[in-house]
C-alpha atoms as a PDB file:
ATOM      1  CA  VAL A   1      48.496-110.152 -48.565  1.00  0.00           C
ATOM      2  CA  SER A   2      48.552-110.781 -52.251  1.00  0.00           C
ATOM      3  CA  GLY A   3      48.993-108.001 -54.768  1.00  0.00           C
ATOM      4  CA  ASN A   4      45.711-108.832 -56.380  1.00  0.00           C
ATOM      5  CA  TYR A   5      43.972-107.243 -53.427  1.00  0.00           C
ATOM      6  CA  PHE A   6      45.344-103.754 -54.167  1.00  0.00           C
ATOM      7  CA  SER A   7      44.611-104.106 -57.861  1.00  0.00           C
ATOM      8  CA  GLN A   8      40.914-104.732 -57.272  1.00  0.00           C
ATOM      9  CA  PRO A   9      38.672-101.750 -58.105  1.00  0.00           C
ATOM     10  CA  LEU A  10      37.213 -99.911 -55.187  1.00  0.00           C
ATOM     11  CA  ALA A  11      33.522-100.229 -54.585  1.00  0.00           C
ATOM     12  CA  THR A  12      31.497 -97.264 -55.797  1.00  0.00           C
ATOM     13  CA  ARG A  13      29.393 -95.496 -53.163  1.00  0.00           C
ATOM     14  CA  LYS A  14      25.767 -95.542 -54.008  1.00  0.00           C
ATOM     15  CA  THR A  15      24.292 -92.882 -51.614  1.00  0.00           C
ATOM     16  CA  LYS A  16      23.443 -89.348 -52.798  1.00  0.00           C
ATOM     17  CA  ALA A  17      25.458 -87.622 -50.058  1.00  0.00           C
ATOM     18  CA  SER A  18      28.473 -89.745 -50.890  1.00  0.00           C
ATOM     19  CA  ARG A  19      28.350 -88.905 -54.581  1.00  0.00           C
ATOM     20  CA  LYS A  20      27.970 -85.174 -53.844  1.00  0.00           C
ATOM     21  CA  ALA A  21      30.989 -85.279 -51.515  1.00  0.00           C
ATOM     22  CA  GLU A  22      33.131 -86.804 -54.259  1.00  0.00           C
ATOM     23  CA  GLU A  23      32.283 -84.043 -56.736  1.00  0.00           C
ATOM     24  CA  SER A  24      34.954 -81.355 -57.200  1.00  0.00           C
ATOM     25  CA  TRP A  25      34.099 -77.614 -56.901  1.00  0.00           C
ATOM     26  CA  SER A  26      35.738 -75.201 -59.232  1.00  0.00           C
ATOM     27  CA  VAL A  27      36.496 -71.623 -58.092  1.00  0.00           C
ATOM     28  CA  ASP A  28      36.555 -68.842 -60.662  1.00  0.00           C
ATOM     29  CA  CYS A  29      39.384 -66.467 -59.790  1.00  0.00           C
ATOM     30  CA  SER A  30      39.362 -64.675 -63.110  1.00  0.00           C
ATOM     31  CA  GLN A  31      37.448 -61.597 -61.835  1.00  0.00           C
ATOM     32  CA  ASP A  32      39.542 -58.740 -60.445  1.00  0.00           C
ATOM     33  CA  PHE A  33      38.979 -57.570 -56.920  1.00  0.00           C
ATOM     34  CA  GLN A  34      37.218 -54.138 -56.745  1.00  0.00           C
ATOM     35  CA  GLU A  35      38.517 -51.598 -54.264  1.00  0.00           C
ATOM     36  CA  VAL A  36      35.800 -50.232 -51.957  1.00  0.00           C
ATOM     37  CA  ASP A  37      36.069 -46.714 -50.474  1.00  0.00           C
ATOM     38  CA  PRO A  38      35.939 -46.508 -46.648  1.00  0.00           C
ATOM     39  CA  PRO A  39      32.618 -45.167 -45.265  1.00  0.00           C
ATOM     40  CA  LEU A  40      32.447 -41.458 -44.535  1.00  0.00           C
ATOM     41  CA  PRO A  41      31.984 -40.427 -40.923  1.00  0.00           C
ATOM     42  CA  ASN A  42      28.455 -39.448 -39.951  1.00  0.00           C
ATOM     43  CA  VAL A  43      28.496 -35.787 -38.914  1.00  0.00           C
ATOM     44  CA  ASP A  44      24.803 -35.678 -38.084  1.00  0.00           C
ATOM     45  CA  HIS A  45      25.327 -37.033 -34.579  1.00  0.00           C
ATOM     46  CA  SER A  46      26.329 -34.858 -31.602  1.00  0.00           C
ATOM     47  CA  TYR A  47      29.414 -36.998 -30.939  1.00  0.00           C
ATOM     48  CA  ALA A  48      30.794 -36.510 -34.436  1.00  0.00           C
ATOM     49  CA  LEU A  49      33.687 -34.019 -34.482  1.00  0.00           C
ATOM     50  CA  SER A  50      34.431 -31.673 -37.327  1.00  0.00           C
ATOM     51  CA  ALA A  51      37.723 -32.082 -39.079  1.00  0.00           C
ATOM     52  CA  SER A  52      38.538 -28.315 -39.137  1.00  0.00           C
ATOM     53  CA  PRO A  53      39.575 -26.337 -36.007  1.00  0.00           C
ATOM     54  CA  ALA A  54      37.224 -23.499 -37.009  1.00  0.00           C
ATOM     55  CA  GLY A  55      34.273 -25.865 -36.956  1.00  0.00           C
ATOM     56  CA  LEU A  56      35.292 -27.189 -33.549  1.00  0.00           C
ATOM     57  CA  LYS A  57      35.568 -23.649 -32.190  1.00  0.00           C
ATOM     58  CA  THR A  58      32.109 -22.760 -33.509  1.00  0.00           C
ATOM     59  CA  ARG A  59      30.565 -25.810 -31.897  1.00  0.00           C
ATOM     60  CA  LEU A  60      32.364 -25.031 -28.623  1.00  0.00           C
ATOM     61  CA  CYS A  61      30.980 -21.480 -28.561  1.00  0.00           C
ATOM     62  CA  GLU A  62      27.467 -22.793 -29.215  1.00  0.00           C
ATOM     63  CA  ALA A  63      27.819 -25.334 -26.415  1.00  0.00           C
ATOM     64  CA  LEU A  64      29.087 -22.681 -23.960  1.00  0.00           C
ATOM     65  CA  ALA A  65      26.209 -20.354 -24.858  1.00  0.00           C
ATOM     66  CA  ARG A  66      23.770 -23.190 -24.280  1.00  0.00           C
ATOM     67  CA  VAL A  67      25.317 -23.946 -20.880  1.00  0.00           C
ATOM     68  CA  GLU A  68      25.118 -20.270 -19.877  1.00  0.00           C
ATOM     69  CA  SER A  69      21.453 -20.117 -20.902  1.00  0.00           C
ATOM     70  CA  LEU A  70      20.624 -23.224 -18.887  1.00  0.00           C
ATOM     71  CA  GLU A  71      22.477 -21.886 -15.830  1.00  0.00           C
ATOM     72  CA  HIS A  72      20.534 -18.606 -16.069  1.00  0.00           C
ATOM     73  CA  GLU A  73      17.250 -20.503 -16.301  1.00  0.00           C
ATOM     74  CA  LEU A  74      18.242 -22.625 -13.319  1.00  0.00           C
ATOM     75  CA  ARG A  75      18.974 -19.511 -11.236  1.00  0.00           C
ATOM     76  CA  ASN A  76      15.567 -18.086 -12.136  1.00  0.00           C
ATOM     77  CA  VAL A  77      13.856 -21.302 -11.104  1.00  0.00           C
ATOM     78  CA  LYS A  78      15.715 -21.292  -7.765  1.00  0.00           C
ATOM     79  CA  ASP A  79      14.788 -17.631  -7.187  1.00  0.00           C
ATOM     80  CA  ARG A  80      11.123 -18.363  -7.860  1.00  0.00           C
ATOM     81  CA  GLU A  81      11.218 -21.307  -5.499  1.00  0.00           C
ATOM     82  CA  ARG A  82      12.870 -19.209  -2.792  1.00  0.00           C
ATOM     83  CA  ARG A  83      10.319 -16.407  -3.194  1.00  0.00           C
ATOM     84  CA  ALA A  84       7.491 -18.937  -3.042  1.00  0.00           C
ATOM     85  CA  LYS A  85       8.712 -20.072   0.384  1.00  0.00           C
ATOM     86  CA  LYS A  86       9.398 -16.542   1.677  1.00  0.00           C
ATOM     87  CA  THR A  87       6.603 -14.600   3.384  1.00  0.00           C
ATOM     88  CA  VAL A  88       5.936 -10.976   4.265  1.00  0.00           C
ATOM     89  CA  ARG A  89       7.174 -11.753   7.774  1.00  0.00           C
ATOM     90  CA  ASP A  90      10.683 -12.248   6.367  1.00  0.00           C
ATOM     91  CA  LEU A  91      10.428  -8.961   4.456  1.00  0.00           C
ATOM     92  CA  LEU A  92       9.428  -7.089   7.600  1.00  0.00           C
ATOM     93  CA  GLU A  93      12.420  -8.488   9.480  1.00  0.00           C
ATOM     94  CA  ASP A  94      14.682  -7.372   6.644  1.00  0.00           C
ATOM     95  CA  LEU A  95      13.172  -3.876   6.560  1.00  0.00           C
ATOM     96  CA  LYS A  96      13.386  -3.540  10.342  1.00  0.00           C
ATOM     97  CA  GLY A  97      17.036  -4.623  10.270  1.00  0.00           C
ATOM     98  CA  LYS A  98      17.786  -1.869   7.725  1.00  0.00           C
ATOM     99  CA  ASN A  99      15.900   0.729   9.834  1.00  0.00           C
ATOM    100  CA  LEU A 100      13.445   1.348   6.981  1.00  0.00           C
ATOM    101  CA  ILE A 101      10.423   0.776   9.235  1.00  0.00           C
ATOM    102  CA  ASN A 102       9.915   1.257  12.952  1.00  0.00           C
ATOM    103  CA  GLU A 103       8.509  -1.197  15.447  1.00  0.00           C
ATOM    104  CA  ASP A 104       5.025   0.317  15.315  1.00  0.00           C
ATOM    105  CA  LEU A 105       4.783  -0.069  11.537  1.00  0.00           C
ATOM    106  CA  LYS A 106       6.164  -3.602  11.782  1.00  0.00           C
ATOM    107  CA  GLU A 107       3.404  -4.519  14.236  1.00  0.00           C
ATOM    108  CA  ARG A 108       0.835  -2.769  12.031  1.00  0.00           C
ATOM    109  CA  LEU A 109       1.901  -4.830   9.032  1.00  0.00           C
ATOM    110  CA  GLY A 110       2.175  -8.007  11.092  1.00  0.00           C
ATOM    111  CA  PHE A 111      -1.434  -8.790  10.181  1.00  0.00           C
ATOM    112  CA  TYR A 112      -0.197  -9.607   6.646  1.00  0.00           C
ATOM    113  CA  SER A 113       2.777 -11.729   7.761  1.00  0.00           C
ATOM    114  CA  ASP A 114       1.471 -14.921   6.167  1.00  0.00           C
ATOM    115  CA  LEU A 115       1.149 -13.409   2.689  1.00  0.00           C
ATOM    116  CA  PRO A 116       3.665 -15.096   0.348  1.00  0.00           C
ATOM    117  CA  VAL A 117       6.234 -12.827  -1.283  1.00  0.00           C
ATOM    118  CA  ASP A 118       5.686 -14.731  -4.515  1.00  0.00           C
ATOM    119  CA  PHE A 119       2.546 -12.674  -5.253  1.00  0.00           C
ATOM    120  CA  LEU A 120       4.765  -9.559  -5.424  1.00  0.00           C
ATOM    121  CA  SER A 121       6.641 -10.959  -8.424  1.00  0.00           C
ATOM    122  CA  LYS A 122       3.613 -11.764 -10.589  1.00  0.00           C
ATOM    123  CA  GLN A 123       3.123  -9.062 -13.178  1.00  0.00           C
ATOM    124  CA  GLY A 124      -0.306  -8.244 -14.560  1.00  0.00           C
ATOM    125  CA  HIS A 125      -2.303 -10.209 -11.995  1.00  0.00           C
ATOM    126  CA  GLU A 126      -5.270  -9.000  -9.958  1.00  0.00           C
ATOM    127  CA  TYR A 127      -4.375  -7.934  -6.418  1.00  0.00           C
ATOM    128  CA  THR A 128      -6.511  -9.265  -3.610  1.00  0.00           C
ATOM    129  CA  LYS A 129      -7.968  -7.065  -0.867  1.00  0.00           C
ATOM    130  CA  GLU A 130      -5.251  -8.119   1.593  1.00  0.00           C
ATOM    131  CA  GLN A 131      -2.495  -7.428  -0.934  1.00  0.00           C
ATOM    132  CA  ARG A 132      -3.900  -3.962  -1.656  1.00  0.00           C
ATOM    133  CA  GLU A 133      -4.117  -3.151   2.039  1.00  0.00           C
ATOM    134  CA  PHE A 134      -0.525  -4.256   2.607  1.00  0.00           C
ATOM    135  CA  ALA A 135       0.798  -2.141  -0.287  1.00  0.00           C
ATOM    136  CA  LEU A 136      -1.216   0.945   0.724  1.00  0.00           C
ATOM    137  CA  THR A 137      -0.224   0.724   4.385  1.00  0.00           C
ATOM    138  CA  LEU A 138       3.459   0.276   3.617  1.00  0.00           C
ATOM    139  CA  HIS A 139       3.485   3.100   1.051  1.00  0.00           C
ATOM    140  CA  LEU A 140       1.647   5.532   3.317  1.00  0.00           C
ATOM    141  CA  HIS A 141       3.592   4.882   6.514  1.00  0.00           C
ATOM    142  CA  GLY A 142       6.917   3.660   5.096  1.00  0.00           C
ATOM    143  CA  PRO A 143       7.563   5.169   1.648  1.00  0.00           C
ATOM    144  CA  LYS A 144      11.324   4.543   1.879  1.00  0.00           C
ATOM    145  CA  ALA A 145      10.737   0.865   2.588  1.00  0.00           C
ATOM    146  CA  TYR A 146       8.241   0.685  -0.271  1.00  0.00           C
ATOM    147  CA  SER A 147      10.745   2.228  -2.685  1.00  0.00           C
ATOM    148  CA  TYR A 148      13.441  -0.172  -1.451  1.00  0.00           C
ATOM    149  CA  LEU A 149      11.274  -3.232  -2.165  1.00  0.00           C
ATOM    150  CA  ARG A 150      10.336  -1.957  -5.637  1.00  0.00           C
ATOM    151  CA  LYS A 151      13.707  -0.686  -6.851  1.00  0.00           C
ATOM    152  CA  SER A 152      16.308  -2.722  -4.924  1.00  0.00           C
ATOM    153  CA  LEU A 153      14.563  -6.092  -4.527  1.00  0.00           C
ATOM    154  CA  HIS A 154      12.565  -5.655  -7.776  1.00  0.00           C
ATOM    155  CA  LEU A 155       9.343  -6.887  -6.216  1.00  0.00           C
ATOM    156  CA  GLY A 156       6.190  -6.396  -8.254  1.00  0.00           C
ATOM    157  CA  LEU A 157       4.516  -3.954  -5.889  1.00  0.00           C
ATOM    158  CA  PRO A 158       1.920  -1.630  -7.428  1.00  0.00           C
ATOM    159  CA  HIS A 159       3.235   1.617  -8.881  1.00  0.00           C
ATOM    160  CA  PRO A 160       2.606   4.701  -6.691  1.00  0.00           C
ATOM    161  CA  HIS A 161       0.273   6.015  -9.402  1.00  0.00           C
ATOM    162  CA  THR A 162      -1.799   2.864  -9.004  1.00  0.00           C
ATOM    163  CA  LEU A 163      -1.947   3.394  -5.239  1.00  0.00           C
ATOM    164  CA  GLN A 164      -2.948   6.992  -5.851  1.00  0.00           C
ATOM    165  CA  ARG A 165      -5.842   5.815  -8.014  1.00  0.00           C
ATOM    166  CA  TRP A 166      -6.929   3.363  -5.319  1.00  0.00           C
ATOM    167  CA  MET A 167      -6.984   6.161  -2.741  1.00  0.00           C
ATOM    168  CA  SER A 168      -9.031   8.499  -4.917  1.00  0.00           C
ATOM    169  CA  SER A 169     -12.619   9.159  -3.966  1.00  0.00           C
ATOM    170  CA  VAL A 170     -15.538  10.045  -6.228  1.00  0.00           C
ATOM    171  CA  ASP A 171     -17.931  10.875  -3.395  1.00  0.00           C
ATOM    172  CA  ALA A 172     -17.739  12.432   0.051  1.00  0.00           C
ATOM    173  CA  LYS A 173     -15.539   9.695   1.478  1.00  0.00           C
ATOM    174  CA  PRO A 174     -12.043  10.508   2.792  1.00  0.00           C
ATOM    175  CA  GLY A 175      -9.295  10.724   0.190  1.00  0.00           C
ATOM    176  CA  LEU A 176      -8.744  12.790  -2.922  1.00  0.00           C
ATOM    177  CA  ASN A 177     -12.040  14.033  -4.356  1.00  0.00           C
ATOM    178  CA  MET A 178     -11.803  13.189  -8.047  1.00  0.00           C
ATOM    179  CA  MET A 179     -15.055  14.967  -8.913  1.00  0.00           C
ATOM    180  CA  MET A 180     -13.693  18.244  -7.549  1.00  0.00           C
ATOM    181  CA  LEU A 181     -10.366  17.790  -9.326  1.00  0.00           C
ATOM    182  CA  ASP A 182     -12.069  17.068 -12.638  1.00  0.00           C
ATOM    183  CA  MET A 183     -14.250  20.135 -12.203  1.00  0.00           C
ATOM    184  CA  LEU A 184     -11.142  22.287 -11.603  1.00  0.00           C
ATOM    185  CA  LYS A 185      -9.640  20.864 -14.776  1.00  0.00           C
ATOM    186  CA  ARG A 186     -12.662  21.971 -16.795  1.00  0.00           C
ATOM    187  CA  ARG A 187     -12.539  25.415 -15.197  1.00  0.00           C
ATOM    188  CA  GLN A 188      -8.825  25.682 -15.963  1.00  0.00           C
ATOM    189  CA  GLU A 189      -9.447  24.836 -19.615  1.00  0.00           C
ATOM    190  CA  GLU A 190     -12.171  27.488 -19.788  1.00  0.00           C
ATOM    191  CA  ASP A 191     -10.242  30.210 -17.913  1.00  0.00           C
ATOM    192  CA  PRO A 192      -6.503  29.415 -17.517  1.00  0.00           C
ATOM    193  CA  ALA A 193      -5.681  32.836 -16.067  1.00  0.00           C
ATOM    194  CA  LYS A 194      -8.127  32.419 -13.193  1.00  0.00           C
ATOM    195  CA  TYR A 195      -7.747  28.705 -12.439  1.00  0.00           C
ATOM    196  CA  GLY A 196      -4.241  27.949 -13.715  1.00  0.00           C
ATOM    197  CA  CYS A 197      -2.206  29.002 -10.635  1.00  0.00           C
ATOM    198  CA  VAL A 198      -3.195  28.102  -7.080  1.00  0.00           C
ATOM    199  CA  THR A 199      -1.995  27.852  -3.503  1.00  0.00           C
ATOM    200  CA  LEU A 200      -2.272  24.494  -1.751  1.00  0.00           C
ATOM    201  CA  MET A 201      -3.351  24.848   1.865  1.00  0.00           C
ATOM    202  CA  LEU A 202      -3.371  22.041   4.412  1.00  0.00           C
ATOM    203  CA  ASP A 203      -4.474  22.079   8.002  1.00  0.00           C
ATOM    204  CA  ALA A 204      -5.317  19.505  10.647  1.00  0.00           C
ATOM    205  CA  MET A 205      -8.221  20.244  12.973  1.00  0.00           C
ATOM    206  CA  ALA A 206      -9.233  18.363  16.080  1.00  0.00           C
ATOM    207  CA  ILE A 207     -12.498  16.428  16.009  1.00  0.00           C
ATOM    208  CA  LYS A 208     -14.464  14.736  18.771  1.00  0.00           C
ATOM    209  CA  LYS A 209     -14.134  10.998  19.149  1.00  0.00           C
ATOM    210  CA  HIS A 210     -17.429   9.547  18.026  1.00  0.00           C
ATOM    211  CA  ILE A 211     -18.478   6.267  16.375  1.00  0.00           C
ATOM    212  CA  GLN A 212     -21.814   6.046  14.614  1.00  0.00           C
ATOM    213  CA  TYR A 213     -23.561   3.946  12.023  1.00  0.00           C
ATOM    214  CA  ASN A 214     -23.976   5.441   8.554  1.00  0.00           C
ATOM    215  CA  PRO A 215     -27.197   4.076   6.991  1.00  0.00           C
ATOM    216  CA  GLN A 216     -26.236   5.305   3.498  1.00  0.00           C
ATOM    217  CA  THR A 217     -22.960   3.395   3.336  1.00  0.00           C
ATOM    218  CA  GLN A 218     -24.093   0.747   5.862  1.00  0.00           C
ATOM    219  CA  ASN A 219     -20.769   1.123   7.661  1.00  0.00           C
ATOM    220  CA  MET A 220     -19.541   2.425  10.976  1.00  0.00           C
ATOM    221  CA  SER A 221     -17.887   5.850  10.677  1.00  0.00           C
ATOM    222  CA  GLY A 222     -15.580   7.700  13.032  1.00  0.00           C
ATOM    223  CA  PHE A 223     -12.500   5.490  12.666  1.00  0.00           C
ATOM    224  CA  VAL A 224      -9.191   6.443  11.092  1.00  0.00           C
ATOM    225  CA  ASP A 225      -9.729   6.593   7.325  1.00  0.00           C
ATOM    226  CA  MET A 226      -7.001   7.448   4.808  1.00  0.00           C
ATOM    227  CA  GLY A 227      -9.207   6.842   1.782  1.00  0.00           C
ATOM    228  CA  ASP A 228      -7.592   3.476   1.078  1.00  0.00           C
ATOM    229  CA  GLY A 229     -10.618   1.343   1.961  1.00  0.00           C
ATOM    230  CA  MET A 230      -8.950  -0.293   4.946  1.00  0.00           C
ATOM    231  CA  ASN A 231     -10.913  -1.118   8.095  1.00  0.00           C
ATOM    232  CA  GLU A 232      -9.071   0.672  10.892  1.00  0.00           C
ATOM    233  CA  THR A 233      -9.778   0.061  14.562  1.00  0.00           C
ATOM    234  CA  ASP A 234      -8.352   3.335  15.918  1.00  0.00           C
ATOM    235  CA  VAL A 235     -10.817   6.165  16.505  1.00  0.00           C
ATOM    236  CA  ALA A 236     -10.057   9.348  14.563  1.00  0.00           C
ATOM    237  CA  THR A 237      -9.117  12.473  16.531  1.00  0.00           C
ATOM    238  CA  GLU A 238      -8.125  14.815  13.665  1.00  0.00           C
ATOM    239  CA  ALA A 239      -9.241  15.740  10.171  1.00  0.00           C
ATOM    240  CA  LEU A 240      -6.488  16.732   7.732  1.00  0.00           C
ATOM    241  CA  VAL A 241      -7.926  18.932   4.966  1.00  0.00           C
ATOM    242  CA  PHE A 242      -6.329  19.914   1.630  1.00  0.00           C
ATOM    243  CA  MET A 243      -7.698  23.014  -0.098  1.00  0.00           C
ATOM    244  CA  VAL A 244      -6.633  24.939  -3.196  1.00  0.00           C
ATOM    245  CA  VAL A 245      -7.074  28.711  -3.382  1.00  0.00           C
ATOM    246  CA  GLY A 246      -6.883  30.670  -6.611  1.00  0.00           C
ATOM    247  CA  LEU A 247      -4.174  33.315  -6.903  1.00  0.00           C
ATOM    248  CA  GLN A 248      -6.246  35.148  -9.506  1.00  0.00           C
ATOM    249  CA  GLY A 249      -9.837  35.541  -8.413  1.00  0.00           C
ATOM    250  CA  HIS A 250     -11.654  34.856  -5.183  1.00  0.00           C
ATOM    251  CA  TRP A 251     -12.304  31.134  -5.168  1.00  0.00           C
ATOM    252  CA  LYS A 252     -11.271  28.067  -3.157  1.00  0.00           C
ATOM    253  CA  ALA A 253     -12.067  24.388  -3.335  1.00  0.00           C
ATOM    254  CA  PRO A 254     -11.413  21.459  -0.932  1.00  0.00           C
ATOM    255  CA  ILE A 255      -9.802  18.601  -2.847  1.00  0.00           C
ATOM    256  CA  ALA A 256      -9.143  16.024  -0.104  1.00  0.00           C
ATOM    257  CA  TYR A 257      -9.528  15.204   3.571  1.00  0.00           C
ATOM    258  CA  TYR A 258      -8.312  12.374   5.803  1.00  0.00           C
ATOM    259  CA  LEU A 259      -9.413  11.175   9.239  1.00  0.00           C
ATOM    260  CA  THR A 260      -6.369  10.479  11.421  1.00  0.00           C
ATOM    261  CA  ASN A 261      -5.204  10.282  15.003  1.00  0.00           C
ATOM    262  CA  THR A 262      -1.421  10.552  14.666  1.00  0.00           C
ATOM    263  CA  LEU A 263       0.112  11.321  11.278  1.00  0.00           C
ATOM    264  CA  SER A 264       3.852  10.934  10.712  1.00  0.00           C
ATOM    265  CA  PRO A 265       5.796  13.367   8.471  1.00  0.00           C
ATOM    266  CA  ASP A 266       6.493  10.505   6.038  1.00  0.00           C
ATOM    267  CA  THR A 267       2.794   9.787   5.590  1.00  0.00           C
ATOM    268  CA  GLN A 268       1.910  13.464   5.259  1.00  0.00           C
ATOM    269  CA  LYS A 269       4.626  13.846   2.618  1.00  0.00           C
ATOM    270  CA  VAL A 270       3.101  11.021   0.563  1.00  0.00           C
ATOM    271  CA  LEU A 271      -0.363  12.613   0.759  1.00  0.00           C
ATOM    272  CA  ILE A 272       0.938  16.010  -0.406  1.00  0.00           C
ATOM    273  CA  LEU A 273       2.833  14.439  -3.311  1.00  0.00           C
ATOM    274  CA  HIS A 274      -0.348  12.650  -4.384  1.00  0.00           C
ATOM    275  CA  ALA A 275      -2.275  15.920  -4.356  1.00  0.00           C
ATOM    276  CA  LEU A 276       0.468  17.756  -6.283  1.00  0.00           C
ATOM    277  CA  GLU A 277       0.589  15.053  -8.942  1.00  0.00           C
ATOM    278  CA  GLU A 278      -3.173  15.103  -9.462  1.00  0.00           C
ATOM    279  CA  LEU A 279      -3.193  18.881  -9.824  1.00  0.00           C
ATOM    280  CA  HIS A 280      -0.210  18.841 -12.189  1.00  0.00           C
ATOM    281  CA  GLU A 281      -1.859  16.243 -14.429  1.00  0.00           C
ATOM    282  CA  ARG A 282      -4.840  18.588 -14.797  1.00  0.00           C
ATOM    283  CA  GLY A 283      -2.700  21.547 -15.809  1.00  0.00           C
ATOM    284  CA  ILE A 284      -2.976  23.379 -12.469  1.00  0.00           C
ATOM    285  CA  ARG A 285       0.261  24.893 -11.140  1.00  0.00           C
ATOM    286  CA  VAL A 286       0.819  24.973  -7.381  1.00  0.00           C
ATOM    287  CA  LEU A 287       3.052  27.973  -6.709  1.00  0.00           C
ATOM    288  CA  CYS A 288       3.144  27.699  -2.934  1.00  0.00           C
ATOM    289  CA  ILE A 289       2.036  25.526  -0.029  1.00  0.00           C
ATOM    290  CA  THR A 290       0.601  27.068   3.128  1.00  0.00           C
ATOM    291  CA  MET A 291       0.532  25.353   6.543  1.00  0.00           C
ATOM    292  CA  ASP A 292       1.107  26.097  10.205  1.00  0.00           C
ATOM    293  CA  GLY A 293       4.376  25.675  12.092  1.00  0.00           C
ATOM    294  CA  HIS A 294       3.632  22.266  13.635  1.00  0.00           C
ATOM    295  CA  ALA A 295       6.663  20.056  14.157  1.00  0.00           C
ATOM    296  CA  SER A 296       5.353  17.390  11.772  1.00  0.00           C
ATOM    297  CA  ASN A 297       4.895  20.020   9.044  1.00  0.00           C
ATOM    298  CA  ILE A 298       8.433  21.314   9.492  1.00  0.00           C
ATOM    299  CA  SER A 299       9.835  17.788   9.375  1.00  0.00           C
ATOM    300  CA  MET A 300       7.811  17.061   6.236  1.00  0.00           C
ATOM    301  CA  CYS A 301       9.122  20.215   4.539  1.00  0.00           C
ATOM    302  CA  THR A 302      12.677  19.186   5.392  1.00  0.00           C
ATOM    303  CA  GLN A 303      12.109  15.807   3.739  1.00  0.00           C
ATOM    304  CA  LEU A 304      10.791  17.591   0.650  1.00  0.00           C
ATOM    305  CA  GLY A 305      14.004  19.621   0.431  1.00  0.00           C
ATOM    306  CA  CYS A 306      12.788  22.902   1.912  1.00  0.00           C
ATOM    307  CA  GLN A 307      15.007  25.053   4.106  1.00  0.00           C
ATOM    308  CA  LEU A 308      13.073  26.794   6.870  1.00  0.00           C
END
């Protein structure tokens, strides 16, 4: 190969891409590099941790309080669910196991076995007829069991004052006669010396078994009636009458009567307490209670704290 070959000028490329590839690029390194601060951590997120131990402790306390609140709410939800599934039948078994009710009362309340216990925890709601009958029957015939359900199990049973109002009568029906009690209140306000102090007398008298239709009330009468509006099937054999007698002045007034067949000391105790409360609210003092020496009366007095 001759040397003239290497001395020949190279052919110039004519395409645009070729000319652009042959151009040289200059890089300006005269500017100084600027230091950039590292980004700050984002503390807005729940996974961001505070730098100080005090902040960590505060967040830990808040988290623990939140957990405790959620656990308490969860327990309440479970309790409501358990009460929703529980019925009166379960309550009766519990009361019978604790000897708070006898077998007769358990059978008497067995009619309401399918009532859910959940209704007893709803405050401020309207009680149905069946719920009222259950509460009245249990309070009259098993006051200890009623108190146990209200105070120990914290069930929303009606207050005894509410039951007392339900049992009140404004006509000649069995129960407390509110018209007579209100009249005694007016007399007491007019003449406190004559109507302020009384004796409460109670007596049970036998009555003949007899069922008849009452056209005024359009109901059958002659059954057991405690003034609670319940439809009893047992025929009444006794009438228990409450009467107040003035200690100053010759006056007396019947304030209540009940149609019964067999009345336990517990039930009679509840009826007397209702009468005493109504008289006390009207400013009438009961200084003594008069009754005969029947075994049920003696047992009732013992329950009330009397020593005979």
